[in-house]
Amino acid sequence: MGKRVQIAHPRAVTTAADDFVQRPRVAASAAEPVKRLTIDVPESLHTRIKLSCVQNRQNMADAVRQLLEERWPAN
């Protein structure tokens, strides 16, 4: 006499790993899809960026996006 176990289907099946990430809408590219960029930086650099952003009441991601836009402006 064995037990019968019924497994319910998951609520939603996600096909892409990116679907799990909640991404903010970037004001400059609100109509454009957003992609994630992950980089490793030395702890000392991270600390300097973080301190500067706190002092300027700025989000770190916004500060990095601004630097990237300055380095590689749109045509």
PDB file of N, CA and C in Angstrom:
ATOM      1  N   MET A   1       0.837  -1.163   0.000  1.00  0.00           N
ATOM      2  CA  MET A   1       0.000   0.000   0.000  1.00  0.00           C
ATOM      3  C   MET A   1       0.892   1.240   0.000  1.00  0.00           C
ATOM      4  N   GLY A   2       0.989   1.933  -1.140  1.00  0.00           N
ATOM      5  CA  GLY A   2       1.817   3.127  -1.235  1.00  0.00           C
ATOM      6  C   GLY A   2       0.985   4.394  -1.170  1.00  0.00           C
ATOM      7  N   LYS A   3       1.614   5.454  -0.770  1.00  0.00           N
ATOM      8  CA  LYS A   3       0.941   6.752  -0.725  1.00  0.00           C
ATOM      9  C   LYS A   3       0.989   7.382  -2.103  1.00  0.00           C
ATOM     10  N   ARG A   4      -0.058   8.078  -2.441  1.00  0.00           N
ATOM     11  CA  ARG A   4      -0.100   8.823  -3.700  1.00  0.00           C
ATOM     12  C   ARG A   4       0.068  10.296  -3.387  1.00  0.00           C
ATOM     13  N   VAL A   5       1.023  10.916  -4.070  1.00  0.00           N
ATOM     14  CA  VAL A   5       1.287  12.334  -3.864  1.00  0.00           C
ATOM     15  C   VAL A   5       1.002  13.052  -5.164  1.00  0.00           C
ATOM     16  N   GLN A   6       0.224  14.112  -5.077  1.00  0.00           N
ATOM     17  CA  GLN A   6      -0.083  14.901  -6.256  1.00  0.00           C
ATOM     18  C   GLN A   6       0.693  16.212  -6.177  1.00  0.00           C
ATOM     19  N   ILE A   7       1.428  16.496  -7.235  1.00  0.00           N
ATOM     20  CA  ILE A   7       2.227  17.710  -7.278  1.00  0.00           C
ATOM     21  C   ILE A   7       1.512  18.732  -8.138  1.00  0.00           C
ATOM     22  N   ALA A   8       1.286  19.905  -7.549  1.00  0.00           N
ATOM     23  CA  ALA A   8       0.593  20.976  -8.283  1.00  0.00           C
ATOM     24  C   ALA A   8       1.552  21.611  -9.279  1.00  0.00           C
ATOM     25  N   HIS A   9       1.003  22.119 -10.354  1.00  0.00           N
ATOM     26  CA  HIS A   9       1.806  22.828 -11.340  1.00  0.00           C
ATOM     27  C   HIS A   9       2.252  24.167 -10.773  1.00  0.00           C
ATOM     28  N   PRO A  10       3.460  24.620 -11.148  1.00  0.00           N
ATOM     29  CA  PRO A  10       3.890  25.941 -10.688  1.00  0.00           C
ATOM     30  C   PRO A  10       2.949  27.023 -11.214  1.00  0.00           C
ATOM     31  N   ARG A  11       2.857  28.116 -10.484  1.00  0.00           N
ATOM     32  CA  ARG A  11       1.951  29.201 -10.887  1.00  0.00           C
ATOM     33  C   ARG A  11       2.315  29.776 -12.243  1.00  0.00           C
ATOM     34  N   ALA A  12       3.588  29.983 -12.462  1.00  0.00           N
ATOM     35  CA  ALA A  12       4.034  30.536 -13.741  1.00  0.00           C
ATOM     36  C   ALA A  12       5.362  29.882 -14.108  1.00  0.00           C
ATOM     37  N   VAL A  13       5.496  29.567 -15.356  1.00  0.00           N
ATOM     38  CA  VAL A  13       6.735  28.986 -15.831  1.00  0.00           C
ATOM     39  C   VAL A  13       7.491  30.079 -16.575  1.00  0.00           C
ATOM     40  N   THR A  14       8.708  30.332 -16.144  1.00  0.00           N
ATOM     41  CA  THR A  14       9.521  31.362 -16.779  1.00  0.00           C
ATOM     42  C   THR A  14      10.531  30.679 -17.678  1.00  0.00           C
ATOM     43  N   THR A  15      10.668  31.198 -18.882  1.00  0.00           N
ATOM     44  CA  THR A  15      11.548  30.563 -19.846  1.00  0.00           C
ATOM     45  C   THR A  15      12.934  31.185 -19.896  1.00  0.00           C
ATOM     46  N   ALA A  16      13.078  32.421 -19.459  1.00  0.00           N
ATOM     47  CA  ALA A  16      14.375  33.087 -19.537  1.00  0.00           C
ATOM     48  C   ALA A  16      14.824  33.534 -18.150  1.00  0.00           C
ATOM     49  N   ALA A  17      16.118  33.410 -17.903  1.00  0.00           N
ATOM     50  CA  ALA A  17      16.647  33.828 -16.603  1.00  0.00           C
ATOM     51  C   ALA A  17      16.410  35.316 -16.363  1.00  0.00           C
ATOM     52  N   ASP A  18      16.433  36.119 -17.421  1.00  0.00           N
ATOM     53  CA  ASP A  18      16.220  37.560 -17.281  1.00  0.00           C
ATOM     54  C   ASP A  18      14.827  37.899 -16.768  1.00  0.00           C
ATOM     55  N   ASP A  19      13.871  37.004 -16.947  1.00  0.00           N
ATOM     56  CA  ASP A  19      12.506  37.282 -16.500  1.00  0.00           C
ATOM     57  C   ASP A  19      12.400  37.374 -14.977  1.00  0.00           C
ATOM     58  N   PHE A  20      13.373  36.827 -14.250  1.00  0.00           N
ATOM     59  CA  PHE A  20      13.333  36.862 -12.798  1.00  0.00           C
ATOM     60  C   PHE A  20      13.782  38.198 -12.242  1.00  0.00           C
ATOM     61  N   VAL A  21      14.477  38.994 -13.033  1.00  0.00           N
ATOM     62  CA  VAL A  21      15.078  40.232 -12.552  1.00  0.00           C
ATOM     63  C   VAL A  21      14.109  41.388 -12.723  1.00  0.00           C
ATOM     64  N   GLN A  22      13.867  42.108 -11.643  1.00  0.00           N
ATOM     65  CA  GLN A  22      13.043  43.304 -11.703  1.00  0.00           C
ATOM     66  C   GLN A  22      13.934  44.457 -12.116  1.00  0.00           C
ATOM     67  N   ARG A  23      13.736  45.016 -13.294  1.00  0.00           N
ATOM     68  CA  ARG A  23      14.591  46.087 -13.778  1.00  0.00           C
ATOM     69  C   ARG A  23      13.856  47.412 -13.716  1.00  0.00           C
ATOM     70  N   PRO A  24      14.550  48.434 -13.238  1.00  0.00           N
ATOM     71  CA  PRO A  24      13.921  49.759 -13.234  1.00  0.00           C
ATOM     72  C   PRO A  24      13.826  50.293 -14.653  1.00  0.00           C
ATOM     73  N   ARG A  25      12.851  51.132 -14.882  1.00  0.00           N
ATOM     74  CA  ARG A  25      12.766  51.796 -16.185  1.00  0.00           C
ATOM     75  C   ARG A  25      13.760  52.946 -16.171  1.00  0.00           C
ATOM     76  N   VAL A  26      14.646  52.949 -17.124  1.00  0.00           N
ATOM     77  CA  VAL A  26      15.664  53.987 -17.214  1.00  0.00           C
ATOM     78  C   VAL A  26      15.070  55.144 -17.993  1.00  0.00           C
ATOM     79  N   ALA A  27      15.060  56.334 -17.391  1.00  0.00           N
ATOM     80  CA  ALA A  27      14.397  57.497 -17.988  1.00  0.00           C
ATOM     81  C   ALA A  27      14.895  57.787 -19.394  1.00  0.00           C
ATOM     82  N   ALA A  28      16.204  57.736 -19.616  1.00  0.00           N
ATOM     83  CA  ALA A  28      16.759  58.081 -20.923  1.00  0.00           C
ATOM     84  C   ALA A  28      16.371  57.066 -21.994  1.00  0.00           C
ATOM     85  N   SER A  29      16.081  55.855 -21.585  1.00  0.00           N
ATOM     86  CA  SER A  29      15.758  54.830 -22.580  1.00  0.00           C
ATOM     87  C   SER A  29      14.472  54.090 -22.203  1.00  0.00           C
ATOM     88  N   ALA A  30      13.474  54.823 -21.723  1.00  0.00           N
ATOM     89  CA  ALA A  30      12.234  54.202 -21.254  1.00  0.00           C
ATOM     90  C   ALA A  30      11.547  53.389 -22.345  1.00  0.00           C
ATOM     91  N   ALA A  31      11.692  53.794 -23.609  1.00  0.00           N
ATOM     92  CA  ALA A  31      11.058  53.063 -24.696  1.00  0.00           C
ATOM     93  C   ALA A  31      11.927  51.914 -25.185  1.00  0.00           C
ATOM     94  N   GLU A  32      13.131  51.827 -24.678  1.00  0.00           N
ATOM     95  CA  GLU A  32      14.088  50.815 -25.124  1.00  0.00           C
ATOM     96  C   GLU A  32      14.242  49.737 -24.057  1.00  0.00           C
ATOM     97  N   PRO A  33      14.358  48.469 -24.460  1.00  0.00           N
ATOM     98  CA  PRO A  33      14.583  47.415 -23.457  1.00  0.00           C
ATOM     99  C   PRO A  33      15.880  47.653 -22.694  1.00  0.00           C
ATOM    100  N   VAL A  34      15.923  47.182 -21.468  1.00  0.00           N
ATOM    101  CA  VAL A  34      17.088  47.379 -20.607  1.00  0.00           C
ATOM    102  C   VAL A  34      17.812  46.046 -20.455  1.00  0.00           C
ATOM    103  N   LYS A  35      19.132  46.074 -20.520  1.00  0.00           N
ATOM    104  CA  LYS A  35      19.959  44.884 -20.316  1.00  0.00           C
ATOM    105  C   LYS A  35      20.839  45.101 -19.095  1.00  0.00           C
ATOM    106  N   ARG A  36      21.150  44.033 -18.392  1.00  0.00           N
ATOM    107  CA  ARG A  36      21.980  44.110 -17.196  1.00  0.00           C
ATOM    108  C   ARG A  36      23.443  43.955 -17.576  1.00  0.00           C
ATOM    109  N   LEU A  37      24.304  44.751 -16.935  1.00  0.00           N
ATOM    110  CA  LEU A  37      25.746  44.695 -17.124  1.00  0.00           C
ATOM    111  C   LEU A  37      26.366  44.456 -15.756  1.00  0.00           C
ATOM    112  N   THR A  38      27.046  43.357 -15.588  1.00  0.00           N
ATOM    113  CA  THR A  38      27.647  43.023 -14.302  1.00  0.00           C
ATOM    114  C   THR A  38      29.159  43.076 -14.447  1.00  0.00           C
ATOM    115  N   ILE A  39      29.797  43.845 -13.574  1.00  0.00           N
ATOM    116  CA  ILE A  39      31.256  43.944 -13.604  1.00  0.00           C
ATOM    117  C   ILE A  39      31.806  43.770 -12.196  1.00  0.00           C
ATOM    118  N   ASP A  40      33.041  43.341 -12.108  1.00  0.00           N
ATOM    119  CA  ASP A  40      33.732  43.242 -10.828  1.00  0.00           C
ATOM    120  C   ASP A  40      34.683  44.420 -10.712  1.00  0.00           C
ATOM    121  N   VAL A  41      34.647  45.093  -9.587  1.00  0.00           N
ATOM    122  CA  VAL A  41      35.550  46.214  -9.331  1.00  0.00           C
ATOM    123  C   VAL A  41      36.217  45.991  -7.977  1.00  0.00           C
ATOM    124  N   PRO A  42      37.412  46.548  -7.790  1.00  0.00           N
ATOM    125  CA  PRO A  42      38.053  46.433  -6.483  1.00  0.00           C
ATOM    126  C   PRO A  42      37.189  47.077  -5.394  1.00  0.00           C
ATOM    127  N   GLU A  43      37.270  46.527  -4.207  1.00  0.00           N
ATOM    128  CA  GLU A  43      36.460  47.029  -3.095  1.00  0.00           C
ATOM    129  C   GLU A  43      36.705  48.512  -2.845  1.00  0.00           C
ATOM    130  N   SER A  44      37.963  48.948  -2.978  1.00  0.00           N
ATOM    131  CA  SER A  44      38.273  50.359  -2.722  1.00  0.00           C
ATOM    132  C   SER A  44      37.573  51.274  -3.732  1.00  0.00           C
ATOM    133  N   LEU A  45      37.493  50.849  -4.988  1.00  0.00           N
ATOM    134  CA  LEU A  45      36.789  51.640  -6.002  1.00  0.00           C
ATOM    135  C   LEU A  45      35.298  51.663  -5.709  1.00  0.00           C
ATOM    136  N   HIS A  46      34.747  50.523  -5.359  1.00  0.00           N
ATOM    137  CA  HIS A  46      33.326  50.449  -5.016  1.00  0.00           C
ATOM    138  C   HIS A  46      33.007  51.395  -3.867  1.00  0.00           C
ATOM    139  N   THR A  47      33.874  51.413  -2.865  1.00  0.00           N
ATOM    140  CA  THR A  47      33.675  52.296  -1.707  1.00  0.00           C
ATOM    141  C   THR A  47      33.712  53.760  -2.123  1.00  0.00           C
ATOM    142  N   ARG A  48      34.657  54.118  -2.983  1.00  0.00           N
ATOM    143  CA  ARG A  48      34.744  55.512  -3.438  1.00  0.00           C
ATOM    144  C   ARG A  48      33.489  55.913  -4.225  1.00  0.00           C
ATOM    145  N   ILE A  49      33.028  55.020  -5.089  1.00  0.00           N
ATOM    146  CA  ILE A  49      31.812  55.309  -5.861  1.00  0.00           C
ATOM    147  C   ILE A  49      30.623  55.459  -4.918  1.00  0.00           C
ATOM    148  N   LYS A  50      30.483  54.528  -4.000  1.00  0.00           N
ATOM    149  CA  LYS A  50      29.361  54.541  -3.061  1.00  0.00           C
ATOM    150  C   LYS A  50      29.357  55.811  -2.218  1.00  0.00           C
ATOM    151  N   LEU A  51      30.519  56.191  -1.679  1.00  0.00           N
ATOM    152  CA  LEU A  51      30.601  57.400  -0.852  1.00  0.00           C
ATOM    153  C   LEU A  51      30.235  58.648  -1.659  1.00  0.00           C
ATOM    154  N   SER A  52      30.735  58.726  -2.877  1.00  0.00           N
ATOM    155  CA  SER A  52      30.423  59.868  -3.731  1.00  0.00           C
ATOM    156  C   SER A  52      28.923  59.938  -4.016  1.00  0.00           C
ATOM    157  N   CYS A  53      28.327  58.783  -4.298  1.00  0.00           N
ATOM    158  CA  CYS A  53      26.889  58.758  -4.590  1.00  0.00           C
ATOM    159  C   CYS A  53      26.065  59.156  -3.369  1.00  0.00           C
ATOM    160  N   VAL A  54      26.467  58.709  -2.196  1.00  0.00           N
ATOM    161  CA  VAL A  54      25.751  59.082  -0.968  1.00  0.00           C
ATOM    162  C   VAL A  54      25.856  60.588  -0.748  1.00  0.00           C
ATOM    163  N   GLN A  55      27.048  61.130  -0.921  1.00  0.00           N
ATOM    164  CA  GLN A  55      27.258  62.568  -0.726  1.00  0.00           C
ATOM    165  C   GLN A  55      26.439  63.395  -1.711  1.00  0.00           C
ATOM    166  N   ASN A  56      26.260  62.876  -2.933  1.00  0.00           N
ATOM    167  CA  ASN A  56      25.512  63.593  -3.970  1.00  0.00           C
ATOM    168  C   ASN A  56      24.055  63.145  -4.077  1.00  0.00           C
ATOM    169  N   ARG A  57      23.632  62.314  -3.120  1.00  0.00           N
ATOM    170  CA  ARG A  57      22.258  61.794  -3.115  1.00  0.00           C
ATOM    171  C   ARG A  57      21.890  61.209  -4.479  1.00  0.00           C
ATOM    172  N   GLN A  58      22.779  60.365  -4.983  1.00  0.00           N
ATOM    173  CA  GLN A  58      22.613  59.773  -6.300  1.00  0.00           C
ATOM    174  C   GLN A  58      22.654  58.249  -6.183  1.00  0.00           C
ATOM    175  N   ASN A  59      21.881  57.607  -7.002  1.00  0.00           N
ATOM    176  CA  ASN A  59      21.869  56.153  -7.087  1.00  0.00           C
ATOM    177  C   ASN A  59      23.135  55.704  -7.814  1.00  0.00           C
ATOM    178  N   MET A  60      23.787  54.637  -7.332  1.00  0.00           N
ATOM    179  CA  MET A  60      25.019  54.157  -7.972  1.00  0.00           C
ATOM    180  C   MET A  60      24.791  53.762  -9.426  1.00  0.00           C
ATOM    181  N   ALA A  61      23.703  53.088  -9.705  1.00  0.00           N
ATOM    182  CA  ALA A  61      23.427  52.663 -11.081  1.00  0.00           C
ATOM    183  C   ALA A  61      23.268  53.874 -11.996  1.00  0.00           C
ATOM    184  N   ASP A  62      22.602  54.921 -11.507  1.00  0.00           N
ATOM    185  CA  ASP A  62      22.447  56.140 -12.307  1.00  0.00           C
ATOM    186  C   ASP A  62      23.792  56.793 -12.579  1.00  0.00           C
ATOM    187  N   ALA A  63      24.669  56.809 -11.572  1.00  0.00           N
ATOM    188  CA  ALA A  63      25.990  57.412 -11.736  1.00  0.00           C
ATOM    189  C   ALA A  63      26.813  56.651 -12.775  1.00  0.00           C
ATOM    190  N   VAL A  64      26.769  55.335 -12.717  1.00  0.00           N
ATOM    191  CA  VAL A  64      27.529  54.525 -13.676  1.00  0.00           C
ATOM    192  C   VAL A  64      26.950  54.680 -15.080  1.00  0.00           C
ATOM    193  N   ARG A  65      25.603  54.692 -15.191  1.00  0.00           N
ATOM    194  CA  ARG A  65      24.978  54.913 -16.508  1.00  0.00           C
ATOM    195  C   ARG A  65      25.404  56.254 -17.086  1.00  0.00           C
ATOM    196  N   GLN A  66      25.458  57.291 -16.243  1.00  0.00           N
ATOM    197  CA  GLN A  66      25.867  58.619 -16.690  1.00  0.00           C
ATOM    198  C   GLN A  66      27.302  58.582 -17.229  1.00  0.00           C
ATOM    199  N   LEU A  67      28.195  57.928 -16.507  1.00  0.00           N
ATOM    200  CA  LEU A  67      29.585  57.808 -16.957  1.00  0.00           C
ATOM    201  C   LEU A  67      29.683  57.058 -18.290  1.00  0.00           C
ATOM    202  N   LEU A  68      28.918  55.986 -18.421  1.00  0.00           N
ATOM    203  CA  LEU A  68      28.936  55.218 -19.664  1.00  0.00           C
ATOM    204  C   LEU A  68      28.401  56.035 -20.838  1.00  0.00           C
ATOM    205  N   GLU A  69      27.339  56.793 -20.584  1.00  0.00           N
ATOM    206  CA  GLU A  69      26.776  57.656 -21.640  1.00  0.00           C
ATOM    207  C   GLU A  69      27.766  58.741 -22.062  1.00  0.00           C
ATOM    208  N   GLU A  70      28.505  59.274 -21.094  1.00  0.00           N
ATOM    209  CA  GLU A  70      29.506  60.294 -21.422  1.00  0.00           C
ATOM    210  C   GLU A  70      30.638  59.707 -22.265  1.00  0.00           C
ATOM    211  N   ARG A  71      31.013  58.475 -21.942  1.00  0.00           N
ATOM    212  CA  ARG A  71      32.117  57.821 -22.662  1.00  0.00           C
ATOM    213  C   ARG A  71      31.685  57.354 -24.052  1.00  0.00           C
ATOM    214  N   TRP A  72      30.458  56.837 -24.158  1.00  0.00           N
ATOM    215  CA  TRP A  72      29.928  56.334 -25.432  1.00  0.00           C
ATOM    216  C   TRP A  72      28.568  56.969 -25.719  1.00  0.00           C
ATOM    217  N   PRO A  73      28.574  58.256 -26.120  1.00  0.00           N
ATOM    218  CA  PRO A  73      27.294  58.947 -26.380  1.00  0.00           C
ATOM    219  C   PRO A  73      26.579  58.353 -27.592  1.00  0.00           C
ATOM    220  N   ALA A  74      25.262  58.498 -27.581  1.00  0.00           N
ATOM    221  CA  ALA A  74      24.465  58.073 -28.749  1.00  0.00           C
ATOM    222  C   ALA A  74      24.753  59.009 -29.906  1.00  0.00           C
ATOM    223  N   ASN A  75      24.631  58.510 -31.104  1.00  0.00           N
ATOM    224  CA  ASN A  75      24.936  59.323 -32.291  1.00  0.00           C
ATOM    225  C   ASN A  75      23.987  60.459 -32.418  1.00  0.00           C
TER     226      ASN A  75
END
